[in-house]
């Protein structure tokens, strides 16, 4: 599995988990974050990697700090052996 595919899967899992734990529908997350419901669905299906701006909006939609959501993504990437801080991954 490619790194981008792994990253998509990690983000999809986190977003769906946060949404369900908050008792929110995709529509509610979309309304709270200002992101289209169809894009929320695409992200939860692991079909796209969100931009930093989108992650910031999603954090708002989940009522958490951006740093909290970003740290959760980073932690899961570390668990899966994805380390985007290494020099070879910056090319």
Protein backbone atom coordinates (compact mmCIF):
# COMPACT_ATOMS: atom_id res chain seq x y z
CA UNK A 1 0.00 0.00 0.00
CA UNK A 2 1.41 3.41 -0.93
CA UNK A 3 2.03 6.07 1.70
CA UNK A 4 -0.69 8.29 0.27
CA UNK A 5 -3.18 5.40 0.39
CA UNK A 6 -2.21 4.71 4.00
CA UNK A 7 -2.59 8.38 4.87
CA UNK A 8 -6.04 8.54 3.25
CA UNK A 9 -7.11 5.48 5.23
CA UNK A 10 -5.83 6.93 8.52
CA UNK A 11 -7.57 10.26 7.97
CA UNK A 12 -10.79 8.56 6.88
CA UNK A 13 -10.85 6.42 10.01
CA UNK A 14 -10.17 9.37 12.32
CA UNK A 15 -12.82 11.58 10.72
CA UNK A 16 -15.48 8.90 10.81
CA UNK A 17 -14.61 8.00 14.39
CA UNK A 18 -14.75 11.63 15.56
CA UNK A 19 -18.03 12.20 13.76
CA UNK A 20 -19.68 9.11 15.21
CA UNK A 21 -18.33 9.74 18.71
CA UNK A 22 -19.85 13.22 18.54
CA UNK A 23 -23.18 11.80 17.40
CA UNK A 24 -22.99 13.90 14.22
CA UNK A 25 -24.19 13.21 10.72
CA UNK A 26 -22.06 14.06 7.71
CA UNK A 27 -24.50 16.91 7.04
CA UNK A 28 -23.98 18.34 10.53
CA UNK A 29 -20.19 18.18 10.18
CA UNK A 30 -20.51 19.86 6.78
CA UNK A 31 -22.65 22.67 8.20
CA UNK A 32 -20.39 23.22 11.21
CA UNK A 33 -17.19 23.21 9.16
CA UNK A 34 -18.37 24.94 6.00
CA UNK A 35 -17.32 21.97 3.88
CA UNK A 36 -19.65 20.25 1.42
CA UNK A 37 -21.32 17.06 2.60
CA UNK A 38 -20.13 15.26 -0.52
CA UNK A 39 -16.51 16.13 0.31
CA UNK A 40 -16.98 14.86 3.88
CA UNK A 41 -18.14 11.59 2.34
CA UNK A 42 -15.15 11.47 -0.02
CA UNK A 43 -12.78 12.01 2.92
CA UNK A 44 -14.47 9.32 5.02
CA UNK A 45 -14.20 6.90 2.11
CA UNK A 46 -10.46 7.55 1.96
CA UNK A 47 -10.59 8.93 -1.55
CA UNK A 48 -8.81 12.22 -0.91
CA UNK A 49 -6.22 13.84 1.36
CA UNK A 50 -7.53 17.09 2.86
CA UNK A 51 -5.52 20.30 2.82
CA UNK A 52 -4.37 21.92 6.04
CA UNK A 53 -7.17 24.47 5.64
CA UNK A 54 -9.72 21.66 5.37
CA UNK A 55 -8.32 19.96 8.48
CA UNK A 56 -8.67 23.31 10.28
CA UNK A 57 -12.31 23.55 9.20
CA UNK A 58 -12.97 19.95 10.19
CA UNK A 59 -11.52 20.62 13.64
CA UNK A 60 -13.99 23.50 13.97
CA UNK A 61 -16.78 21.16 12.87
CA UNK A 62 -15.78 18.65 15.55
CA UNK A 63 -15.35 21.46 18.11
CA UNK A 64 -11.70 20.57 18.79
CA UNK A 65 -8.48 22.51 18.34
CA UNK A 66 -6.68 22.13 15.04
CA UNK A 67 -3.61 20.94 16.95
CA UNK A 68 -5.66 18.16 18.57
CA UNK A 69 -6.88 16.81 15.24
CA UNK A 70 -3.48 17.23 13.58
CA UNK A 71 -1.76 15.48 16.50
CA UNK A 72 -4.22 12.58 16.28
CA UNK A 73 -3.42 12.17 12.58
CA UNK A 74 0.32 12.36 13.31
CA UNK A 75 0.06 9.78 16.11
CA UNK A 76 -1.78 7.32 13.88
CA UNK A 77 0.76 7.88 11.09
CA UNK A 78 3.55 7.11 13.54
CA UNK A 79 1.79 3.89 14.59
CA UNK A 80 1.59 2.86 10.93
CA UNK A 81 5.24 3.70 10.34
CA UNK A 82 4.52 6.76 8.20
CA UNK A 83 6.99 9.47 9.11
CA UNK A 84 6.64 12.55 6.97
CA UNK A 85 9.32 14.34 8.96
CA UNK A 86 12.12 12.27 7.46
CA UNK A 87 14.20 14.00 4.78
CA UNK A 88 13.60 11.37 2.12
CA UNK A 89 9.86 11.97 2.35
CA UNK A 90 10.21 15.69 1.65
CA UNK A 91 11.23 15.31 -1.99
